[in-house]
Protein backbone atom coordinates (compact mmCIF):
# COMPACT_ATOMS: atom_id res chain seq x y z
CA MET A 1 -48.05 -6.50 -46.44
CA THR A 2 -46.30 -4.84 -49.34
CA SER A 3 -47.15 -5.38 -53.00
CA VAL A 4 -44.03 -6.41 -54.94
CA LEU A 5 -45.59 -6.82 -58.39
CA CYS A 6 -48.95 -6.39 -60.05
CA SER A 7 -48.83 -7.53 -63.65
CA ASP A 8 -51.10 -8.29 -66.59
CA PRO A 9 -48.80 -10.30 -68.91
CA GLU A 10 -48.87 -14.07 -69.00
CA ALA A 11 -45.37 -14.32 -67.49
CA ASN A 12 -43.24 -12.18 -65.21
CA MET A 13 -40.16 -12.39 -62.98
CA VAL A 14 -39.59 -10.85 -59.56
CA THR A 15 -36.02 -10.22 -58.41
CA GLY A 16 -34.51 -8.94 -55.19
CA LEU A 17 -36.29 -11.39 -52.87
CA THR A 18 -34.50 -12.77 -49.80
CA PRO A 19 -33.96 -16.54 -49.43
CA GLY A 20 -35.58 -17.88 -46.25
CA GLN A 21 -38.16 -15.08 -46.16
CA THR A 22 -41.87 -15.93 -46.42
CA TYR A 23 -43.73 -14.50 -49.41
CA TYR A 24 -47.44 -14.76 -50.19
CA ILE A 25 -48.69 -15.00 -53.77
CA ARG A 26 -52.08 -13.68 -54.79
CA VAL A 27 -53.34 -14.79 -58.17
CA TYR A 28 -56.43 -13.56 -59.94
CA THR A 29 -57.90 -13.80 -63.41
CA TYR A 30 -60.60 -12.16 -65.43
CA THR A 31 -62.48 -13.17 -68.55
CA SER A 32 -65.44 -12.03 -70.56
CA THR A 33 -66.48 -15.67 -71.07
CA ALA A 34 -68.94 -17.03 -68.49
CA ASN A 35 -67.62 -20.08 -66.63
CA GLY A 36 -64.18 -19.70 -68.23
CA ASN A 37 -61.26 -21.79 -66.99
CA ALA A 38 -57.86 -20.47 -65.99
CA GLY A 39 -54.59 -22.09 -64.98
CA PHE A 40 -51.69 -20.93 -62.84
CA GLY A 41 -48.15 -22.19 -62.36
CA TYR A 42 -45.07 -20.78 -60.68
CA LEU A 43 -41.39 -21.54 -60.48
CA CYS A 44 -39.29 -20.51 -57.52
CA GLY A 45 -35.51 -20.72 -57.66
CA TYR A 46 -32.37 -19.23 -56.18
CA SER A 47 -29.02 -18.38 -57.74
CA SER A 48 -25.98 -17.28 -55.78
CA CYS A 49 -24.44 -15.85 -58.96
CA SER A 50 -24.17 -12.07 -58.53
CA SER A 51 -23.84 -11.47 -62.28
CA CYS A 52 -26.85 -13.62 -63.29
């Protein structure tokens, strides 16, 4: 496997992926608060616009 992005901000965007290809997402969190809660959401879309 190849890492495409490792990021600390709350939001990020990955470009250059190939439609129809399988990608695996690994999500992790850290907190200094014991028993803290975290949420995760993702949006996956495709645009055929070359200037977008």
